[in-house]
Amino acid sequence: MAAELDDVKVLKVSPGKDSIEVMMQLKEGPANSYFLVD
């Protein structure tokens, strides 16, 4: 099942050679929790 994540936060953007890594956080998630989208 696909998860629909509403109004995520962007914490950090890190450019790389072949991609850009984006560190994100759930709006209502724990403060020390994050996930990455490349």
All heavy atoms as atom14 arrays in JSON, in Angstrom:
{
  "sequence": "MAAELDDVKVLKVSPGKDSIEVMMQLKEGPANSYFLVD",
  "atom14_mask": [
    [1, 1, 1, 1, 1, 1, 1, 1, 0, 0, 0, 0, 0, 0],
    [1, 1, 1, 1, 1, 0, 0, 0, 0, 0, 0, 0, 0, 0],
    [1, 1, 1, 1, 1, 0, 0, 0, 0, 0, 0, 0, 0, 0],
    [1, 1, 1, 1, 1, 1, 1, 1, 1, 0, 0, 0, 0, 0],
    [1, 1, 1, 1, 1, 1, 1, 1, 0, 0, 0, 0, 0, 0],
    [1, 1, 1, 1, 1, 1, 1, 1, 0, 0, 0, 0, 0, 0],
    [1, 1, 1, 1, 1, 1, 1, 1, 0, 0, 0, 0, 0, 0],
    [1, 1, 1, 1, 1, 1, 1, 0, 0, 0, 0, 0, 0, 0],
    [1, 1, 1, 1, 1, 1, 1, 1, 1, 0, 0, 0, 0, 0],
    [1, 1, 1, 1, 1, 1, 1, 0, 0, 0, 0, 0, 0, 0],
    [1, 1, 1, 1, 1, 1, 1, 1, 0, 0, 0, 0, 0, 0],
    [1, 1, 1, 1, 1, 1, 1, 1, 1, 0, 0, 0, 0, 0],
    [1, 1, 1, 1, 1, 1, 1, 0, 0, 0, 0, 0, 0, 0],
    [1, 1, 1, 1, 1, 1, 0, 0, 0, 0, 0, 0, 0, 0],
    [1, 1, 1, 1, 1, 1, 1, 0, 0, 0, 0, 0, 0, 0],
    [1, 1, 1, 1, 0, 0, 0, 0, 0, 0, 0, 0, 0, 0],
    [1, 1, 1, 1, 1, 1, 1, 1, 1, 0, 0, 0, 0, 0],
    [1, 1, 1, 1, 1, 1, 1, 1, 0, 0, 0, 0, 0, 0],
    [1, 1, 1, 1, 1, 1, 0, 0, 0, 0, 0, 0, 0, 0],
    [1, 1, 1, 1, 1, 1, 1, 1, 0, 0, 0, 0, 0, 0],
    [1, 1, 1, 1, 1, 1, 1, 1, 1, 0, 0, 0, 0, 0],
    [1, 1, 1, 1, 1, 1, 1, 0, 0, 0, 0, 0, 0, 0],
    [1, 1, 1, 1, 1, 1, 1, 1, 0, 0, 0, 0, 0, 0],
    [1, 1, 1, 1, 1, 1, 1, 1, 0, 0, 0, 0, 0, 0],
    [1, 1, 1, 1, 1, 1, 1, 1, 1, 0, 0, 0, 0, 0],
    [1, 1, 1, 1, 1, 1, 1, 1, 0, 0, 0, 0, 0, 0],
    [1, 1, 1, 1, 1, 1, 1, 1, 1, 0, 0, 0, 0, 0],
    [1, 1, 1, 1, 1, 1, 1, 1, 1, 0, 0, 0, 0, 0],
    [1, 1, 1, 1, 0, 0, 0, 0, 0, 0, 0, 0, 0, 0],
    [1, 1, 1, 1, 1, 1, 1, 0, 0, 0, 0, 0, 0, 0],
    [1, 1, 1, 1, 1, 0, 0, 0, 0, 0, 0, 0, 0, 0],
    [1, 1, 1, 1, 1, 1, 1, 1, 0, 0, 0, 0, 0, 0],
    [1, 1, 1, 1, 1, 1, 0, 0, 0, 0, 0, 0, 0, 0],
    [1, 1, 1, 1, 1, 1, 1, 1, 1, 1, 1, 1, 0, 0],
    [1, 1, 1, 1, 1, 1, 1, 1, 1, 1, 1, 0, 0, 0],
    [1, 1, 1, 1, 1, 1, 1, 1, 0, 0, 0, 0, 0, 0],
    [1, 1, 1, 1, 1, 1, 1, 0, 0, 0, 0, 0, 0, 0],
    [1, 1, 1, 1, 1, 1, 1, 1, 0, 0, 0, 0, 0, 0]
  ],
  "atom14_positions": [
    [[0.85, -1.18, 0.0], [0.0, 0.0, 0.0], [0.89, 1.24, 0.0], [1.85, 1.31, 0.74], [-0.91, 0.01, 1.23], [-1.87, -1.16, 1.29], [-2.98, -1.24, -0.11], [-4.08, 0.07, 0.28], [0.0, 0.0, 0.0], [0.0, 0.0, 0.0], [0.0, 0.0, 0.0], [0.0, 0.0, 0.0], [0.0, 0.0, 0.0], [0.0, 0.0, 0.0]],
    [[0.57, 2.17, -0.85], [1.35, 3.4, -0.92], [0.96, 4.3, 0.25], [-0.21, 4.42, 0.59], [1.1, 4.1, -2.23], [0.0, 0.0, 0.0], [0.0, 0.0, 0.0], [0.0, 0.0, 0.0], [0.0, 0.0, 0.0], [0.0, 0.0, 0.0], [0.0, 0.0, 0.0], [0.0, 0.0, 0.0], [0.0, 0.0, 0.0], [0.0, 0.0, 0.0]],
    [[1.97, 4.92, 0.84], [1.73, 5.86, 1.93], [1.67, 7.27, 1.35], [2.51, 7.65, 0.54], [2.85, 5.77, 2.96], [0.0, 0.0, 0.0], [0.0, 0.0, 0.0], [0.0, 0.0, 0.0], [0.0, 0.0, 0.0], [0.0, 0.0, 0.0], [0.0, 0.0, 0.0], [0.0, 0.0, 0.0], [0.0, 0.0, 0.0], [0.0, 0.0, 0.0]],
    [[0.66, 8.01, 1.74], [0.54, 9.4, 1.33], [1.01, 10.27, 2.49], [0.39, 10.28, 3.55], [-0.89, 9.71, 0.92], [-1.29, 8.92, -0.31], [-2.64, 9.31, -0.88], [-3.15, 10.39, -0.54], [-3.17, 8.52, -1.66], [0.0, 0.0, 0.0], [0.0, 0.0, 0.0], [0.0, 0.0, 0.0], [0.0, 0.0, 0.0], [0.0, 0.0, 0.0]],
    [[2.09, 10.98, 2.27], [2.7, 11.81, 3.3], [2.34, 13.26, 3.03], [2.73, 13.83, 2.02], [4.22, 11.62, 3.3], [4.71, 10.17, 3.28], [6.22, 10.12, 3.22], [4.2, 9.42, 4.5], [0.0, 0.0, 0.0], [0.0, 0.0, 0.0], [0.0, 0.0, 0.0], [0.0, 0.0, 0.0], [0.0, 0.0, 0.0], [0.0, 0.0, 0.0]],
    [[1.59, 13.85, 3.95], [1.1, 15.2, 3.77], [2.04, 16.24, 4.37], [2.46, 16.12, 5.52], [-0.28, 15.35, 4.41], [-1.32, 14.45, 3.77], [-1.21, 14.2, 2.55], [-2.23, 14.01, 4.47], [0.0, 0.0, 0.0], [0.0, 0.0, 0.0], [0.0, 0.0, 0.0], [0.0, 0.0, 0.0], [0.0, 0.0, 0.0], [0.0, 0.0, 0.0]],
    [[2.36, 17.25, 3.58], [3.12, 18.42, 4.0], [4.42, 18.06, 4.73], [4.62, 18.41, 5.88], [2.24, 19.32, 4.87], [2.78, 20.74, 4.94], [3.64, 21.12, 4.11], [2.35, 21.49, 5.83], [0.0, 0.0, 0.0], [0.0, 0.0, 0.0], [0.0, 0.0, 0.0], [0.0, 0.0, 0.0], [0.0, 0.0, 0.0], [0.0, 0.0, 0.0]],
    [[5.3, 17.35, 4.04], [6.57, 16.95, 4.64], [7.5, 18.15, 4.78], [7.34, 19.16, 4.1], [7.28, 15.84, 3.82], [6.44, 14.58, 3.79], [7.61, 16.32, 2.42], [0.0, 0.0, 0.0], [0.0, 0.0, 0.0], [0.0, 0.0, 0.0], [0.0, 0.0, 0.0], [0.0, 0.0, 0.0], [0.0, 0.0, 0.0], [0.0, 0.0, 0.0]],
    [[8.45, 18.04, 5.68], [9.46, 19.07, 5.89], [10.72, 18.69, 5.12], [11.09, 17.52, 5.08], [9.82, 19.19, 7.37], [8.68, 19.6, 8.26], [9.13, 19.59, 9.7], [7.97, 19.85, 10.64], [8.38, 19.74, 12.05], [0.0, 0.0, 0.0], [0.0, 0.0, 0.0], [0.0, 0.0, 0.0], [0.0, 0.0, 0.0], [0.0, 0.0, 0.0]],
    [[11.39, 19.67, 4.55], [12.68, 19.46, 3.91], [13.73, 19.94, 4.9], [13.78, 21.12, 5.25], [12.8, 20.23, 2.57], [14.21, 20.11, 2.01], [11.78, 19.71, 1.57], [0.0, 0.0, 0.0], [0.0, 0.0, 0.0], [0.0, 0.0, 0.0], [0.0, 0.0, 0.0], [0.0, 0.0, 0.0], [0.0, 0.0, 0.0], [0.0, 0.0, 0.0]],
    [[14.58, 19.01, 5.37], [15.59, 19.35, 6.35], [16.92, 19.75, 5.72], [17.6, 20.65, 6.21], [15.82, 18.17, 7.3], [14.6, 17.65, 8.06], [14.96, 16.43, 8.89], [14.01, 18.74, 8.93], [0.0, 0.0, 0.0], [0.0, 0.0, 0.0], [0.0, 0.0, 0.0], [0.0, 0.0, 0.0], [0.0, 0.0, 0.0], [0.0, 0.0, 0.0]],
    [[17.28, 19.03, 4.64], [18.6, 19.25, 4.05], [18.6, 18.75, 2.61], [17.97, 17.74, 2.31], [19.64, 18.49, 4.88], [21.06, 18.66, 4.45], [21.96, 17.87, 5.4], [23.39, 17.86, 4.93], [24.23, 17.01, 5.78], [0.0, 0.0, 0.0], [0.0, 0.0, 0.0], [0.0, 0.0, 0.0], [0.0, 0.0, 0.0], [0.0, 0.0, 0.0]],
    [[19.32, 19.45, 1.74], [19.48, 19.04, 0.35], [20.98, 18.93, 0.08], [21.72, 19.89, 0.3], [18.84, 20.05, -0.62], [19.07, 19.65, -2.06], [17.35, 20.2, -0.34], [0.0, 0.0, 0.0], [0.0, 0.0, 0.0], [0.0, 0.0, 0.0], [0.0, 0.0, 0.0], [0.0, 0.0, 0.0], [0.0, 0.0, 0.0], [0.0, 0.0, 0.0]],
    [[21.41, 17.75, -0.37], [22.83, 17.5, -0.63], [23.03, 17.06, -2.08], [22.68, 15.94, -2.44], [23.36, 16.41, 0.31], [23.14, 16.74, 1.65], [0.0, 0.0, 0.0], [0.0, 0.0, 0.0], [0.0, 0.0, 0.0], [0.0, 0.0, 0.0], [0.0, 0.0, 0.0], [0.0, 0.0, 0.0], [0.0, 0.0, 0.0], [0.0, 0.0, 0.0]],
    [[23.61, 17.94, -2.91], [23.86, 17.55, -4.3], [25.01, 16.57, -4.41], [25.99, 16.68, -3.67], [24.18, 18.88, -4.99], [24.55, 19.82, -3.91], [23.96, 19.32, -2.64], [0.0, 0.0, 0.0], [0.0, 0.0, 0.0], [0.0, 0.0, 0.0], [0.0, 0.0, 0.0], [0.0, 0.0, 0.0], [0.0, 0.0, 0.0], [0.0, 0.0, 0.0]],
    [[24.87, 15.62, -5.31], [25.93, 14.66, -5.6], [26.21, 14.64, -7.09], [25.66, 15.45, -7.84], [0.0, 0.0, 0.0], [0.0, 0.0, 0.0], [0.0, 0.0, 0.0], [0.0, 0.0, 0.0], [0.0, 0.0, 0.0], [0.0, 0.0, 0.0], [0.0, 0.0, 0.0], [0.0, 0.0, 0.0], [0.0, 0.0, 0.0], [0.0, 0.0, 0.0]],
    [[27.05, 13.73, -7.53], [27.43, 13.66, -8.94], [26.25, 13.26, -9.83], [26.01, 13.88, -10.86], [28.57, 12.66, -9.11], [29.08, 12.55, -10.51], [30.21, 11.57, -10.62], [30.63, 11.41, -12.08], [31.61, 10.38, -12.26], [0.0, 0.0, 0.0], [0.0, 0.0, 0.0], [0.0, 0.0, 0.0], [0.0, 0.0, 0.0], [0.0, 0.0, 0.0]],
    [[25.52, 12.22, -9.45], [24.43, 11.71, -10.28], [23.05, 11.84, -9.65], [22.07, 11.32, -10.18], [24.67, 10.24, -10.61], [25.9, 10.05, -11.48], [26.13, 10.91, -12.35], [26.63, 9.08, -11.27], [0.0, 0.0, 0.0], [0.0, 0.0, 0.0], [0.0, 0.0, 0.0], [0.0, 0.0, 0.0], [0.0, 0.0, 0.0], [0.0, 0.0, 0.0]],
    [[22.98, 12.52, -8.5], [21.69, 12.63, -7.82], [21.73, 13.77, -6.8], [22.79, 14.33, -6.52], [21.36, 11.32, -7.1], [22.29, 11.09, -6.06], [0.0, 0.0, 0.0], [0.0, 0.0, 0.0], [0.0, 0.0, 0.0], [0.0, 0.0, 0.0], [0.0, 0.0, 0.0], [0.0, 0.0, 0.0], [0.0, 0.0, 0.0], [0.0, 0.0, 0.0]],
    [[20.57, 14.06, -6.27], [20.44, 15.03, -5.19], [19.71, 14.34, -4.05], [18.6, 13.85, -4.23], [19.68, 16.29, -5.65], [20.47, 17.0, -6.74], [19.4, 17.21, -4.47], [19.78, 18.17, -7.37], [0.0, 0.0, 0.0], [0.0, 0.0, 0.0], [0.0, 0.0, 0.0], [0.0, 0.0, 0.0], [0.0, 0.0, 0.0], [0.0, 0.0, 0.0]],
    [[20.36, 14.28, -2.91], [19.78, 13.61, -1.75], [19.02, 14.64, -0.91], [19.56, 15.69, -0.56], [20.89, 12.98, -0.91], [20.38, 12.18, 0.27], [21.52, 11.57, 1.05], [22.09, 12.29, 1.89], [21.84, 10.4, 0.8], [0.0, 0.0, 0.0], [0.0, 0.0, 0.0], [0.0, 0.0, 0.0], [0.0, 0.0, 0.0], [0.0, 0.0, 0.0]],
    [[17.76, 14.33, -0.62], [16.91, 15.23, 0.15], [16.54, 14.55, 1.46], [15.95, 13.47, 1.46], [15.63, 15.6, -0.64], [14.81, 16.62, 0.15], [15.97, 16.14, -2.02], [0.0, 0.0, 0.0], [0.0, 0.0, 0.0], [0.0, 0.0, 0.0], [0.0, 0.0, 0.0], [0.0, 0.0, 0.0], [0.0, 0.0, 0.0], [0.0, 0.0, 0.0]],
    [[16.92, 15.18, 2.57], [16.55, 14.68, 3.89], [15.22, 15.32, 4.27], [15.08, 16.55, 4.23], [17.61, 15.03, 4.93], [17.31, 14.5, 6.32], [18.52, 15.03, 7.56], [19.93, 14.08, 7.07], [0.0, 0.0, 0.0], [0.0, 0.0, 0.0], [0.0, 0.0, 0.0], [0.0, 0.0, 0.0], [0.0, 0.0, 0.0], [0.0, 0.0, 0.0]],
    [[14.24, 14.48, 4.6], [12.89, 14.96, 4.89], [12.38, 14.43, 6.21], [12.93, 13.46, 6.76], [11.94, 14.55, 3.77], [12.29, 15.1, 2.43], [11.12, 14.53, 1.18], [11.44, 15.67, -0.12], [0.0, 0.0, 0.0], [0.0, 0.0, 0.0], [0.0, 0.0, 0.0], [0.0, 0.0, 0.0], [0.0, 0.0, 0.0], [0.0, 0.0, 0.0]],
    [[11.31, 15.04, 6.68], [10.7, 14.63, 7.95], [9.18, 14.74, 7.82], [8.67, 15.65, 7.16], [11.2, 15.55, 9.05], [10.77, 15.18, 10.44], [11.4, 16.11, 11.46], [11.21, 17.32, 11.37], [12.13, 15.56, 12.39], [0.0, 0.0, 0.0], [0.0, 0.0, 0.0], [0.0, 0.0, 0.0], [0.0, 0.0, 0.0], [0.0, 0.0, 0.0]],
    [[8.49, 13.81, 8.46], [7.04, 13.88, 8.5], [6.61, 15.1, 9.31], [7.24, 15.44, 10.31], [6.46, 12.62, 9.15], [6.71, 11.3, 8.44], [6.2, 10.14, 9.28], [6.05, 11.3, 7.07], [0.0, 0.0, 0.0], [0.0, 0.0, 0.0], [0.0, 0.0, 0.0], [0.0, 0.0, 0.0], [0.0, 0.0, 0.0], [0.0, 0.0, 0.0]],
    [[5.55, 15.75, 8.88], [5.07, 16.95, 9.58], [4.75, 16.65, 11.05], [5.12, 17.4, 11.93], [3.83, 17.5, 8.87], [3.3, 18.75, 9.49], [2.12, 19.29, 8.74], [1.61, 20.56, 9.4], [0.46, 21.1, 8.71], [0.0, 0.0, 0.0], [0.0, 0.0, 0.0], [0.0, 0.0, 0.0], [0.0, 0.0, 0.0], [0.0, 0.0, 0.0]],
    [[4.1, 15.55, 11.28], [3.7, 15.18, 12.64], [4.61, 14.11, 13.25], [4.26, 13.49, 14.24], [2.25, 14.7, 12.64], [1.24, 15.69, 12.09], [1.16, 16.97, 12.89], [1.32, 16.92, 14.14], [0.95, 18.03, 12.28], [0.0, 0.0, 0.0], [0.0, 0.0, 0.0], [0.0, 0.0, 0.0], [0.0, 0.0, 0.0], [0.0, 0.0, 0.0]],
    [[5.75, 13.87, 12.63], [6.65, 12.82, 13.09], [7.53, 13.27, 14.25], [7.58, 14.45, 14.6], [0.0, 0.0, 0.0], [0.0, 0.0, 0.0], [0.0, 0.0, 0.0], [0.0, 0.0, 0.0], [0.0, 0.0, 0.0], [0.0, 0.0, 0.0], [0.0, 0.0, 0.0], [0.0, 0.0, 0.0], [0.0, 0.0, 0.0], [0.0, 0.0, 0.0]],
    [[8.23, 12.31, 14.86], [9.16, 12.63, 15.94], [10.26, 13.59, 15.46], [10.69, 13.51, 14.31], [9.77, 11.28, 16.33], [8.87, 10.25, 15.73], [8.2, 10.89, 14.56], [0.0, 0.0, 0.0], [0.0, 0.0, 0.0], [0.0, 0.0, 0.0], [0.0, 0.0, 0.0], [0.0, 0.0, 0.0], [0.0, 0.0, 0.0], [0.0, 0.0, 0.0]],
    [[10.72, 14.46, 16.34], [11.71, 15.47, 15.98], [13.04, 14.87, 15.52], [13.73, 15.45, 14.7], [11.95, 16.41, 17.16], [0.0, 0.0, 0.0], [0.0, 0.0, 0.0], [0.0, 0.0, 0.0], [0.0, 0.0, 0.0], [0.0, 0.0, 0.0], [0.0, 0.0, 0.0], [0.0, 0.0, 0.0], [0.0, 0.0, 0.0], [0.0, 0.0, 0.0]],
    [[13.4, 13.71, 16.02], [14.7, 13.12, 15.67], [14.58, 12.08, 14.55], [15.5, 11.33, 14.3], [15.35, 12.49, 16.9], [14.5, 11.38, 17.49], [13.34, 11.22, 17.13], [15.07, 10.63, 18.4], [0.0, 0.0, 0.0], [0.0, 0.0, 0.0], [0.0, 0.0, 0.0], [0.0, 0.0, 0.0], [0.0, 0.0, 0.0], [0.0, 0.0, 0.0]],
    [[13.45, 12.05, 13.87], [13.21, 11.06, 12.82], [13.3, 11.74, 11.44], [12.86, 12.87, 11.27], [11.83, 10.45, 13.0], [11.54, 9.58, 11.95], [0.0, 0.0, 0.0], [0.0, 0.0, 0.0], [0.0, 0.0, 0.0], [0.0, 0.0, 0.0], [0.0, 0.0, 0.0], [0.0, 0.0, 0.0], [0.0, 0.0, 0.0], [0.0, 0.0, 0.0]],
    [[13.87, 11.04, 10.48], [13.96, 11.56, 9.12], [14.01, 10.41, 8.13], [14.21, 9.26, 8.49], [15.19, 12.46, 8.95], [16.49, 11.71, 9.06], [17.12, 11.2, 7.93], [17.1, 11.49, 10.29], [18.31, 10.48, 8.01], [18.28, 10.78, 10.39], [18.88, 10.29, 9.25], [20.05, 9.58, 9.34], [0.0, 0.0, 0.0], [0.0, 0.0, 0.0]],
    [[13.8, 10.74, 6.85], [13.97, 9.76, 5.78], [14.62, 10.49, 4.61], [14.64, 11.72, 4.54], [12.64, 9.11, 5.38], [11.6, 10.06, 4.87], [11.43, 10.25, 3.52], [10.77, 10.75, 5.75], [10.45, 11.12, 3.03], [9.8, 11.62, 5.29], [9.64, 11.81, 3.93], [0.0, 0.0, 0.0], [0.0, 0.0, 0.0], [0.0, 0.0, 0.0]],
    [[15.2, 9.72, 3.69], [15.94, 10.29, 2.57], [15.28, 9.91, 1.25], [14.86, 8.77, 1.07], [17.37, 9.77, 2.57], [18.17, 10.05, 3.84], [19.42, 9.2, 3.88], [18.52, 11.51, 3.94], [0.0, 0.0, 0.0], [0.0, 0.0, 0.0], [0.0, 0.0, 0.0], [0.0, 0.0, 0.0], [0.0, 0.0, 0.0], [0.0, 0.0, 0.0]],
    [[15.21, 10.88, 0.35], [14.76, 10.63, -1.01], [15.89, 11.08, -1.93], [16.36, 12.21, -1.85], [13.47, 11.39, -1.35], [13.09, 11.19, -2.82], [12.32, 10.94, -0.45], [0.0, 0.0, 0.0], [0.0, 0.0, 0.0], [0.0, 0.0, 0.0], [0.0, 0.0, 0.0], [0.0, 0.0, 0.0], [0.0, 0.0, 0.0], [0.0, 0.0, 0.0]],
    [[16.35, 10.17, -2.76], [17.42, 10.45, -3.69], [16.82, 10.77, -5.06], [16.25, 9.89, -5.7], [18.35, 9.23, -3.77], [19.74, 9.57, -4.24], [20.13, 10.75, -4.15], [20.44, 8.65, -4.68], [0.0, 0.0, 0.0], [0.0, 0.0, 0.0], [0.0, 0.0, 0.0], [0.0, 0.0, 0.0], [0.0, 0.0, 0.0], [0.0, 0.0, 0.0]]
  ]
}
